[in-house]
């Protein structure tokens, strides 16, 4: 990033119907306040959201898709994560 370029911010919006924030895009802004205001103007023009999060992109860390096999190792060897061998009593509902 050059000295004249503003940092990139990731924008997350929580919709009126949703419970979790969803990533909706990115924008450039000088600081967090400007990023929030710009995100409001760009991503909630039609009152789509009730909450906005902005995170400076260089603070977001992600797994590498090339490492997904090792990172998200199948849990087949961890039988305790699969409760298929438990018997559910007849009186238990909605499980």
Protein backbone atom coordinates (compact mmCIF):
# COMPACT_ATOMS: atom_id res chain seq x y z
CA UNK A 1 0.00 0.00 0.00
CA UNK A 2 1.40 3.38 -0.92
CA UNK A 3 1.54 6.31 1.49
CA UNK A 4 -1.28 8.06 -0.39
CA UNK A 5 -3.63 5.08 -0.49
CA UNK A 6 -6.25 4.61 2.24
CA UNK A 7 -6.47 1.20 3.93
CA UNK A 8 -8.93 -1.42 2.72
CA UNK A 9 -11.83 -2.28 5.06
CA UNK A 10 -14.05 -5.36 5.02
CA UNK A 11 -17.74 -4.63 5.61
CA UNK A 12 -20.17 -6.93 7.45
CA UNK A 13 -23.92 -6.17 7.69
CA UNK A 14 -26.55 -7.74 9.93
CA UNK A 15 -29.88 -7.68 8.17
CA UNK A 16 -33.20 -7.06 9.87
CA UNK A 17 -34.14 -10.72 9.45
CA UNK A 18 -30.74 -12.23 10.24
CA UNK A 19 -28.95 -12.94 13.47
CA UNK A 20 -25.40 -12.95 12.14
CA UNK A 21 -23.35 -10.44 10.23
CA UNK A 22 -22.56 -11.31 6.60
CA UNK A 23 -19.65 -10.05 4.54
CA UNK A 24 -21.02 -7.73 1.88
CA UNK A 25 -17.91 -6.16 0.39
CA UNK A 26 -14.90 -3.95 0.84
CA UNK A 27 -14.13 -0.26 0.67
CA UNK A 28 -11.28 2.15 1.26
CA UNK A 29 -11.44 4.73 4.05
CA UNK A 30 -9.02 6.81 6.09
CA UNK A 31 -10.24 5.51 9.47
CA UNK A 32 -12.91 3.38 11.14
CA UNK A 33 -15.42 6.23 11.46
CA UNK A 34 -15.17 7.03 7.78
CA UNK A 35 -15.37 3.32 6.93
CA UNK A 36 -18.61 2.96 8.95
CA UNK A 37 -20.17 6.01 7.32
CA UNK A 38 -19.15 4.93 3.83
CA UNK A 39 -20.37 1.37 4.48
CA UNK A 40 -23.73 2.76 5.60
CA UNK A 41 -24.00 4.89 2.46
CA UNK A 42 -22.86 2.17 0.06
CA UNK A 43 -24.29 -1.06 1.50
CA UNK A 44 -27.48 0.00 3.34
CA UNK A 45 -29.08 2.50 0.99
CA UNK A 46 -32.47 0.80 1.23
CA UNK A 47 -32.46 0.17 5.01
CA UNK A 48 -31.18 -3.39 4.53
CA UNK A 49 -29.27 -3.56 7.79
CA UNK A 50 -29.50 -2.87 11.50
CA UNK A 51 -25.81 -3.27 12.36
CA UNK A 52 -22.51 -2.69 10.54
CA UNK A 53 -19.06 -4.00 11.33
CA UNK A 54 -15.93 -2.78 9.57
CA UNK A 55 -12.57 -4.50 9.96
CA UNK A 56 -9.34 -3.27 8.46
CA UNK A 57 -8.38 -5.96 5.94
CA UNK A 58 -4.83 -6.40 7.17
CA UNK A 59 -6.26 -7.54 10.54
CA UNK A 60 -8.23 -10.38 8.93
CA UNK A 61 -6.39 -13.69 8.89
CA UNK A 62 -7.67 -16.61 6.85
CA UNK A 63 -6.75 -20.20 6.23
CA UNK A 64 -5.15 -21.09 2.91
CA UNK A 65 -7.52 -23.05 0.63
CA UNK A 66 -4.52 -25.13 -0.50
CA UNK A 67 -4.17 -26.40 3.09
CA UNK A 68 -7.83 -27.30 3.52
CA UNK A 69 -7.24 -31.07 3.64
CA UNK A 70 -4.88 -30.80 6.61
CA UNK A 71 -6.60 -27.83 8.25
CA UNK A 72 -10.10 -29.30 8.09
CA UNK A 73 -9.09 -32.89 8.71
CA UNK A 74 -12.08 -35.18 8.52
CA UNK A 75 -13.34 -36.10 11.93
CA UNK A 76 -13.92 -39.74 10.97
CA UNK A 77 -11.18 -40.77 13.39
CA UNK A 78 -12.90 -38.85 16.22
CA UNK A 79 -15.94 -40.99 16.87
CA UNK A 80 -16.93 -38.93 19.89
CA UNK A 81 -17.95 -36.16 17.47
CA UNK A 82 -20.50 -38.43 15.81
CA UNK A 83 -23.12 -39.48 18.37
CA UNK A 84 -24.55 -42.14 16.07
CA UNK A 85 -23.81 -44.96 18.53
CA UNK A 86 -25.93 -43.42 21.31
CA UNK A 87 -29.47 -44.62 21.87
CA UNK A 88 -31.96 -41.79 22.30
CA UNK A 89 -34.70 -42.53 24.86
CA UNK A 90 -38.26 -42.56 23.53
CA UNK A 91 -39.29 -39.60 25.70
CA UNK A 92 -36.72 -37.25 24.17
CA UNK A 93 -38.15 -35.10 21.38
CA UNK A 94 -36.61 -32.60 18.95
CA UNK A 95 -33.09 -33.93 19.08
